[in-house]
Amino acid sequence: MDFLNALGLTGDCPTDRIPTTLAGSSKPVVTRVVAYPDAHLIADKLCRLERYCASPLRLEARPVGGSGLSLALHPEPCPADLETRCAILHGLLLRAGFDGVSSSGVGLTWRQAPEPVGLDTGGSPRLSDHLLRLIAADPARAWRLQEAAAELGVSSRSLQRYLLAEGSTFSTALRQARTKSAASLLRTSRISLAEIGFCCGYADQAHFQREFRAVSGATPRHFRAGDGQLQKPARA
């Protein structure tokens, strides 16, 4: 999967048009990248997309105050590459609902960030159900136990303890949520398998193939061509 194509861009797209193009984009990769309106998290997902697409460049974003990011690319790129990445991140912030975004070519600032939408827990008393909904709301995120616990308002140790009491673990919940998200996209969309793998948080296409088959009993391609039903429970 090509990095720019995954975002709905082409190599000949003028840099000054990139922000407006992404601001109005409905590409699945774009919508998953901006699912949670946090600028540093969006930049982190953009870096993950670079790795997923085997791009030779790696984005580094550092916070500047409470409403800015300083950007760098590694290895040292030509100025046009950094300007393009800055324009991409500019457009993604606009798409996420940030107000007053401005770009310097090496960094971004904004006047106001949108408030995150509260998690719909569905009224379940089970913390494992809350965790599944949390991951499902932003499946492209590289979820870690500590981050999930913080979002749920508990300590990492408490989250592990509650999950074990409910017959689950963090890794099992993560695998279940990713598989259900991937299965839904396989059933309801015609986007590429590579895009689905990224949108559901897998490290690369091989990881997607391996993990999805371990849970469903079928490869993503066969699942899409078959009856679209998960056959096997997720394993811890």
C-alpha atoms as a PDB file:
ATOM      1  CA  MET A   1       0.000   0.000   0.000  1.00  0.00           C
ATOM      2  CA  ASP A   2       1.362   3.399  -0.987  1.00  0.00           C
ATOM      3  CA  PHE A   3       1.500   6.015   1.762  1.00  0.00           C
ATOM      4  CA  LEU A   4       0.005   8.912  -0.233  1.00  0.00           C
ATOM      5  CA  ASN A   5      -2.602   6.756  -1.987  1.00  0.00           C
ATOM      6  CA  ALA A   6      -3.798   5.420   1.361  1.00  0.00           C
ATOM      7  CA  LEU A   7      -4.668   9.012   2.279  1.00  0.00           C
ATOM      8  CA  GLY A   8      -6.377   9.647  -1.057  1.00  0.00           C
ATOM      9  CA  LEU A   9      -3.486  11.795  -2.317  1.00  0.00           C
ATOM     10  CA  THR A  10      -1.248  11.606  -5.378  1.00  0.00           C
ATOM     11  CA  GLY A  11       2.396  12.450  -5.780  1.00  0.00           C
ATOM     12  CA  ASP A  12       1.586  15.398  -8.038  1.00  0.00           C
ATOM     13  CA  CYS A  13      -0.945  16.982  -5.670  1.00  0.00           C
ATOM     14  CA  PRO A  14       0.210  20.568  -4.926  1.00  0.00           C
ATOM     15  CA  THR A  15       1.236  20.991  -1.302  1.00  0.00           C
ATOM     16  CA  ASP A  16      -1.088  23.944  -0.780  1.00  0.00           C
ATOM     17  CA  ARG A  17      -4.078  21.812  -1.811  1.00  0.00           C
ATOM     18  CA  ILE A  18      -3.356  18.916   0.538  1.00  0.00           C
ATOM     19  CA  PRO A  19      -4.997  20.419   3.676  1.00  0.00           C
ATOM     20  CA  THR A  20      -8.324  21.155   1.969  1.00  0.00           C
ATOM     21  CA  THR A  21      -8.284  17.770   0.227  1.00  0.00           C
ATOM     22  CA  LEU A  22      -7.870  15.910   3.520  1.00  0.00           C
ATOM     23  CA  ALA A  23     -10.253  18.198   5.407  1.00  0.00           C
ATOM     24  CA  GLY A  24     -13.113  16.930   3.253  1.00  0.00           C
ATOM     25  CA  SER A  25     -11.917  13.343   2.876  1.00  0.00           C
ATOM     26  CA  SER A  26     -14.053  10.307   3.649  1.00  0.00           C
ATOM     27  CA  LYS A  27     -11.261   7.791   2.969  1.00  0.00           C
ATOM     28  CA  PRO A  28     -11.375   5.025   5.582  1.00  0.00           C
ATOM     29  CA  VAL A  29      -7.716   5.471   6.486  1.00  0.00           C
ATOM     30  CA  VAL A  30      -8.234   9.195   7.026  1.00  0.00           C
ATOM     31  CA  THR A  31     -11.345   8.760   9.169  1.00  0.00           C
ATOM     32  CA  ARG A  32      -9.597   6.175  11.352  1.00  0.00           C
ATOM     33  CA  VAL A  33      -6.513   8.372  11.787  1.00  0.00           C
ATOM     34  CA  VAL A  34      -8.635  11.273  13.068  1.00  0.00           C
ATOM     35  CA  ALA A  35     -11.067   9.158  15.122  1.00  0.00           C
ATOM     36  CA  TYR A  36      -9.801  10.685  18.389  1.00  0.00           C
ATOM     37  CA  PRO A  37      -9.122  14.453  18.212  1.00  0.00           C
ATOM     38  CA  ASP A  38      -5.700  14.545  19.827  1.00  0.00           C
ATOM     39  CA  ALA A  39      -2.989  16.153  17.689  1.00  0.00           C
ATOM     40  CA  HIS A  40      -0.108  14.075  19.020  1.00  0.00           C
ATOM     41  CA  LEU A  41      -2.101  10.855  18.660  1.00  0.00           C
ATOM     42  CA  ILE A  42      -3.007  11.771  15.064  1.00  0.00           C
ATOM     43  CA  ALA A  43       0.685  12.390  14.341  1.00  0.00           C
ATOM     44  CA  ASP A  44       1.528   9.046  15.945  1.00  0.00           C
ATOM     45  CA  LYS A  45      -0.979   7.268  13.689  1.00  0.00           C
ATOM     46  CA  LEU A  46       0.510   9.026  10.676  1.00  0.00           C
ATOM     47  CA  CYS A  47       3.906   7.670  11.693  1.00  0.00           C
ATOM     48  CA  ARG A  48       2.360   4.207  12.079  1.00  0.00           C
ATOM     49  CA  LEU A  49       0.954   4.522   8.560  1.00  0.00           C
ATOM     50  CA  GLU A  50       4.476   5.264   7.309  1.00  0.00           C
ATOM     51  CA  ARG A  51       5.729   2.050   8.908  1.00  0.00           C
ATOM     52  CA  TYR A  52       2.750   0.065   7.622  1.00  0.00           C
ATOM     53  CA  CYS A  53       3.441   1.284   4.074  1.00  0.00           C
ATOM     54  CA  ALA A  54       7.198   0.647   4.446  1.00  0.00           C
ATOM     55  CA  SER A  55       7.962   4.315   3.818  1.00  0.00           C
ATOM     56  CA  PRO A  56      11.677   5.152   4.241  1.00  0.00           C
ATOM     57  CA  LEU A  57      10.719   8.327   6.162  1.00  0.00           C
ATOM     58  CA  ARG A  58       9.623   8.512   9.780  1.00  0.00           C
ATOM     59  CA  LEU A  59       7.723  11.446  11.234  1.00  0.00           C
ATOM     60  CA  GLU A  60       8.609  12.803  14.660  1.00  0.00           C
ATOM     61  CA  ALA A  61       6.191  15.209  16.361  1.00  0.00           C
ATOM     62  CA  ARG A  62       6.997  17.047  19.567  1.00  0.00           C
ATOM     63  CA  PRO A  63       4.466  19.119  21.534  1.00  0.00           C
ATOM     64  CA  VAL A  64       5.032  22.872  21.690  1.00  0.00           C
ATOM     65  CA  GLY A  65       3.046  24.365  24.535  1.00  0.00           C
ATOM     66  CA  GLY A  66      -0.534  23.181  24.685  1.00  0.00           C
ATOM     67  CA  SER A  67      -1.496  23.988  21.101  1.00  0.00           C
ATOM     68  CA  GLY A  68       1.385  23.247  18.791  1.00  0.00           C
ATOM     69  CA  LEU A  69       3.579  20.551  17.297  1.00  0.00           C
ATOM     70  CA  SER A  70       7.146  20.718  16.033  1.00  0.00           C
ATOM     71  CA  LEU A  71       7.806  18.246  13.206  1.00  0.00           C
ATOM     72  CA  ALA A  72      10.892  16.471  11.933  1.00  0.00           C
ATOM     73  CA  LEU A  73      11.496  13.624   9.479  1.00  0.00           C
ATOM     74  CA  HIS A  74      14.143  10.930   9.736  1.00  0.00           C
ATOM     75  CA  PRO A  75      16.424  10.285   8.014  1.00  0.00           C
ATOM     76  CA  GLU A  76      17.047  13.919   7.091  1.00  0.00           C
ATOM     77  CA  PRO A  77      14.709  14.557   4.128  1.00  0.00           C
ATOM     78  CA  CYS A  78      14.633  17.238   1.509  1.00  0.00           C
ATOM     79  CA  PRO A  79      12.617  20.316   2.609  1.00  0.00           C
ATOM     80  CA  ALA A  80       9.756  19.383   0.263  1.00  0.00           C
ATOM     81  CA  ASP A  81       9.196  16.081   2.091  1.00  0.00           C
ATOM     82  CA  LEU A  82       8.821  17.775   5.464  1.00  0.00           C
ATOM     83  CA  GLU A  83       6.570  20.435   3.943  1.00  0.00           C
ATOM     84  CA  THR A  84       4.345  17.700   2.495  1.00  0.00           C
ATOM     85  CA  ARG A  85       4.107  15.885   5.859  1.00  0.00           C
ATOM     86  CA  CYS A  86       3.268  19.166   7.560  1.00  0.00           C
ATOM     87  CA  ALA A  87       0.513  19.835   4.997  1.00  0.00           C
ATOM     88  CA  ILE A  88      -0.851  16.312   5.517  1.00  0.00           C
ATOM     89  CA  LEU A  89      -0.990  16.746   9.281  1.00  0.00           C
ATOM     90  CA  HIS A  90      -2.551  20.184   8.784  1.00  0.00           C
ATOM     91  CA  GLY A  91      -5.340  18.601   6.745  1.00  0.00           C
ATOM     92  CA  LEU A  92      -5.850  15.798   9.249  1.00  0.00           C
ATOM     93  CA  LEU A  93      -6.253  18.276  12.094  1.00  0.00           C
ATOM     94  CA  LEU A  94      -8.823  20.180  10.049  1.00  0.00           C
ATOM     95  CA  ARG A  95     -10.621  16.891   9.353  1.00  0.00           C
ATOM     96  CA  ALA A  96     -10.625  16.139  13.096  1.00  0.00           C
ATOM     97  CA  GLY A  97     -12.294  19.473  13.824  1.00  0.00           C
ATOM     98  CA  PHE A  98      -9.394  21.598  15.041  1.00  0.00           C
ATOM     99  CA  ASP A  99     -10.000  25.332  14.728  1.00  0.00           C
ATOM    100  CA  GLY A 100      -7.510  27.974  13.593  1.00  0.00           C
ATOM    101  CA  VAL A 101      -4.851  25.565  12.320  1.00  0.00           C
ATOM    102  CA  SER A 102      -1.783  27.214  10.788  1.00  0.00           C
ATOM    103  CA  SER A 103       1.375  25.674   9.365  1.00  0.00           C
ATOM    104  CA  SER A 104       4.946  26.935   9.145  1.00  0.00           C
ATOM    105  CA  GLY A 105       6.259  24.044   7.061  1.00  0.00           C
ATOM    106  CA  VAL A 106       8.110  22.613  10.068  1.00  0.00           C
ATOM    107  CA  GLY A 107       5.341  22.791  12.647  1.00  0.00           C
ATOM    108  CA  LEU A 108       1.680  23.431  13.362  1.00  0.00           C
ATOM    109  CA  THR A 109      -0.352  25.486  15.787  1.00  0.00           C
ATOM    110  CA  TRP A 110      -4.093  25.716  16.435  1.00  0.00           C
ATOM    111  CA  ARG A 111      -6.436  27.919  18.440  1.00  0.00           C
ATOM    112  CA  GLN A 112      -8.778  25.259  19.741  1.00  0.00           C
ATOM    113  CA  ALA A 113      -9.026  21.475  19.741  1.00  0.00           C
ATOM    114  CA  PRO A 114     -12.421  19.739  19.684  1.00  0.00           C
ATOM    115  CA  GLU A 115     -13.728  18.012  22.778  1.00  0.00           C
ATOM    116  CA  PRO A 116     -13.537  14.212  22.548  1.00  0.00           C
ATOM    117  CA  VAL A 117     -16.874  12.419  22.398  1.00  0.00           C
ATOM    118  CA  GLY A 118     -17.620  10.496  25.588  1.00  0.00           C
ATOM    119  CA  LEU A 119     -17.470   6.706  25.468  1.00  0.00           C
ATOM    120  CA  ASP A 120     -20.812   4.936  25.119  1.00  0.00           C
ATOM    121  CA  THR A 121     -20.469   2.029  27.546  1.00  0.00           C
ATOM    122  CA  GLY A 122     -23.848   0.552  26.659  1.00  0.00           C
ATOM    123  CA  GLY A 123     -24.741   0.337  30.336  1.00  0.00           C
ATOM    124  CA  SER A 124     -22.769  -2.868  30.862  1.00  0.00           C
ATOM    125  CA  PRO A 125     -21.386  -3.475  34.361  1.00  0.00           C
ATOM    126  CA  ARG A 126     -18.473  -5.449  32.899  1.00  0.00           C
ATOM    127  CA  LEU A 127     -15.205  -3.558  32.492  1.00  0.00           C
ATOM    128  CA  SER A 128     -14.227  -5.926  29.690  1.00  0.00           C
ATOM    129  CA  ASP A 129     -17.228  -4.676  27.681  1.00  0.00           C
ATOM    130  CA  HIS A 130     -16.171  -1.077  28.307  1.00  0.00           C
ATOM    131  CA  LEU A 131     -12.674  -1.931  27.093  1.00  0.00           C
ATOM    132  CA  LEU A 132     -14.012  -3.556  23.922  1.00  0.00           C
ATOM    133  CA  ARG A 133     -16.090  -0.451  23.162  1.00  0.00           C
ATOM    134  CA  LEU A 134     -13.105   1.803  23.866  1.00  0.00           C
ATOM    135  CA  ILE A 135     -10.871  -0.054  21.403  1.00  0.00           C
ATOM    136  CA  ALA A 136     -13.671  -0.365  18.827  1.00  0.00           C
ATOM    137  CA  ALA A 137     -14.157   3.418  18.899  1.00  0.00           C
ATOM    138  CA  ASP A 138     -10.561   3.932  17.748  1.00  0.00           C
ATOM    139  CA  PRO A 139      -9.253   0.621  16.378  1.00  0.00           C
ATOM    140  CA  ALA A 140      -6.383   2.129  14.364  1.00  0.00           C
ATOM    141  CA  ARG A 141      -4.721   3.306  17.566  1.00  0.00           C
ATOM    142  CA  ALA A 142      -1.715   1.357  18.852  1.00  0.00           C
ATOM    143  CA  TRP A 143      -3.452   0.599  22.146  1.00  0.00           C
ATOM    144  CA  ARG A 144      -1.374  -0.148  25.224  1.00  0.00           C
ATOM    145  CA  LEU A 145      -2.607  -1.368  28.573  1.00  0.00           C
ATOM    146  CA  GLN A 146      -1.589   1.809  30.403  1.00  0.00           C
ATOM    147  CA  GLU A 147      -3.363   4.080  27.884  1.00  0.00           C
ATOM    148  CA  ALA A 148      -6.546   2.032  27.948  1.00  0.00           C
ATOM    149  CA  ALA A 149      -6.581   1.993  31.745  1.00  0.00           C
ATOM    150  CA  ALA A 150      -6.170   5.776  31.850  1.00  0.00           C
ATOM    151  CA  GLU A 151      -9.065   6.248  29.407  1.00  0.00           C
ATOM    152  CA  LEU A 152     -11.253   4.011  31.585  1.00  0.00           C
ATOM    153  CA  GLY A 153     -10.256   5.798  34.782  1.00  0.00           C
ATOM    154  CA  VAL A 154      -8.561   2.869  36.518  1.00  0.00           C
ATOM    155  CA  SER A 155      -4.988   1.817  37.190  1.00  0.00           C
ATOM    156  CA  SER A 156      -3.250  -0.678  34.924  1.00  0.00           C
ATOM    157  CA  ARG A 157      -3.161  -3.225  37.739  1.00  0.00           C
ATOM    158  CA  SER A 158      -6.872  -2.778  38.467  1.00  0.00           C
ATOM    159  CA  LEU A 159      -7.751  -3.181  34.799  1.00  0.00           C
ATOM    160  CA  GLN A 160      -5.782  -6.428  34.603  1.00  0.00           C
ATOM    161  CA  ARG A 161      -7.409  -7.705  37.793  1.00  0.00           C
ATOM    162  CA  TYR A 162     -10.957  -6.871  36.652  1.00  0.00           C
ATOM    163  CA  LEU A 163     -10.371  -8.450  33.253  1.00  0.00           C
ATOM    164  CA  LEU A 164      -9.047 -11.668  34.787  1.00  0.00           C
ATOM    165  CA  ALA A 165     -12.072 -11.808  37.100  1.00  0.00           C
ATOM    166  CA  GLU A 166     -14.307 -11.545  34.029  1.00  0.00           C
ATOM    167  CA  GLY A 167     -12.406 -14.278  32.188  1.00  0.00           C
ATOM    168  CA  SER A 168     -10.497 -12.008  29.834  1.00  0.00           C
ATOM    169  CA  THR A 169      -7.146 -10.271  29.377  1.00  0.00           C
ATOM    170  CA  PHE A 170      -6.083  -7.057  27.687  1.00  0.00           C
ATOM    171  CA  SER A 171      -4.512  -8.903  24.751  1.00  0.00           C
ATOM    172  CA  THR A 172      -7.671 -10.997  24.272  1.00  0.00           C
ATOM    173  CA  ALA A 173      -9.893  -7.901  24.295  1.00  0.00           C
ATOM    174  CA  LEU A 174      -7.577  -6.160  21.848  1.00  0.00           C
ATOM    175  CA  ARG A 175      -7.623  -9.136  19.504  1.00  0.00           C
ATOM    176  CA  GLN A 176     -11.409  -9.463  19.717  1.00  0.00           C
ATOM    177  CA  ALA A 177     -12.028  -5.767  19.042  1.00  0.00           C
ATOM    178  CA  ARG A 178      -9.651  -5.674  16.074  1.00  0.00           C
ATOM    179  CA  THR A 179     -11.128  -8.836  14.585  1.00  0.00           C
ATOM    180  CA  LYS A 180     -14.710  -7.579  14.897  1.00  0.00           C
ATOM    181  CA  SER A 181     -13.752  -4.252  13.346  1.00  0.00           C
ATOM    182  CA  ALA A 182     -11.962  -5.997  10.469  1.00  0.00           C
ATOM    183  CA  ALA A 183     -14.854  -8.420   9.958  1.00  0.00           C
ATOM    184  CA  SER A 184     -17.295  -5.526   9.740  1.00  0.00           C
ATOM    185  CA  LEU A 185     -15.213  -3.773   7.081  1.00  0.00           C
ATOM    186  CA  LEU A 186     -14.767  -7.027   5.155  1.00  0.00           C
ATOM    187  CA  ARG A 187     -18.536  -7.560   5.131  1.00  0.00           C
ATOM    188  CA  THR A 188     -19.685  -4.011   4.398  1.00  0.00           C
ATOM    189  CA  SER A 189     -16.981  -2.376   2.278  1.00  0.00           C
ATOM    190  CA  ARG A 190     -14.860  -3.044  -0.775  1.00  0.00           C
ATOM    191  CA  ILE A 191     -11.747  -1.250   0.443  1.00  0.00           C
ATOM    192  CA  SER A 192      -8.486  -3.135   0.064  1.00  0.00           C
ATOM    193  CA  LEU A 193      -7.278  -5.690   2.570  1.00  0.00           C
ATOM    194  CA  ALA A 194      -4.197  -3.541   3.152  1.00  0.00           C
ATOM    195  CA  GLU A 195      -6.352  -0.560   4.146  1.00  0.00           C
ATOM    196  CA  ILE A 196      -8.480  -2.720   6.437  1.00  0.00           C
ATOM    197  CA  GLY A 197      -5.373  -4.028   8.172  1.00  0.00           C
ATOM    198  CA  PHE A 198      -4.189  -0.520   8.977  1.00  0.00           C
ATOM    199  CA  CYS A 199      -7.642   0.735   9.940  1.00  0.00           C
ATOM    200  CA  CYS A 200      -7.963  -2.042  12.497  1.00  0.00           C
ATOM    201  CA  GLY A 201      -4.615  -1.506  14.195  1.00  0.00           C
ATOM    202  CA  TYR A 202      -2.496  -4.326  12.782  1.00  0.00           C
ATOM    203  CA  ALA A 203       1.244  -3.723  12.474  1.00  0.00           C
ATOM    204  CA  ASP A 204       1.433  -4.840   8.843  1.00  0.00           C
ATOM    205  CA  GLN A 205      -0.443  -6.939   6.305  1.00  0.00           C
ATOM    206  CA  ALA A 206       1.219 -10.181   7.437  1.00  0.00           C
ATOM    207  CA  HIS A 207       0.144  -9.460  11.010  1.00  0.00           C
ATOM    208  CA  PHE A 208      -3.421  -8.871   9.812  1.00  0.00           C
ATOM    209  CA  GLN A 209      -3.509 -12.132   7.863  1.00  0.00           C
ATOM    210  CA  ARG A 210      -2.051 -14.157  10.729  1.00  0.00           C
ATOM    211  CA  GLU A 211      -4.144 -12.703  13.572  1.00  0.00           C
ATOM    212  CA  PHE A 212      -7.427 -12.634  11.691  1.00  0.00           C
ATOM    213  CA  ARG A 213      -7.062 -16.249  10.631  1.00  0.00           C
ATOM    214  CA  ALA A 214      -6.194 -17.302  14.202  1.00  0.00           C
ATOM    215  CA  VAL A 215      -9.484 -15.841  15.421  1.00  0.00           C
ATOM    216  CA  SER A 216     -11.879 -16.442  12.533  1.00  0.00           C
ATOM    217  CA  GLY A 217     -10.485 -19.643  11.074  1.00  0.00           C
ATOM    218  CA  ALA A 218     -10.246 -18.008   7.631  1.00  0.00           C
ATOM    219  CA  THR A 219      -7.954 -15.562   5.909  1.00  0.00           C
ATOM    220  CA  PRO A 220      -9.415 -12.084   5.342  1.00  0.00           C
ATOM    221  CA  ARG A 221      -9.813 -12.821   1.630  1.00  0.00           C
ATOM    222  CA  HIS A 222     -11.678 -16.084   2.225  1.00  0.00           C
ATOM    223  CA  PHE A 223     -13.787 -14.490   4.947  1.00  0.00           C
ATOM    224  CA  ARG A 224     -14.874 -11.742   2.531  1.00  0.00           C
ATOM    225  CA  ALA A 225     -15.655 -14.304  -0.168  1.00  0.00           C
ATOM    226  CA  GLY A 226     -17.561 -16.595   2.228  1.00  0.00           C
ATOM    227  CA  ASP A 227     -20.504 -16.069   4.560  1.00  0.00           C
ATOM    228  CA  GLY A 228     -18.816 -13.394   6.656  1.00  0.00           C
ATOM    229  CA  GLN A 229     -19.231 -15.228   9.976  1.00  0.00           C
ATOM    230  CA  LEU A 230     -16.579 -15.540  12.683  1.00  0.00           C
ATOM    231  CA  GLN A 231     -16.102 -19.229  13.384  1.00  0.00           C
ATOM    232  CA  LYS A 232     -13.720 -19.362  16.335  1.00  0.00           C
ATOM    233  CA  PRO A 233     -13.464 -17.419  19.606  1.00  0.00           C
ATOM    234  CA  ALA A 234     -10.383 -15.268  20.198  1.00  0.00           C
ATOM    235  CA  ARG A 235      -7.644 -17.036  22.086  1.00  0.00           C
ATOM    236  CA  ALA A 236      -5.703 -15.453  24.901  1.00  0.00           C
END
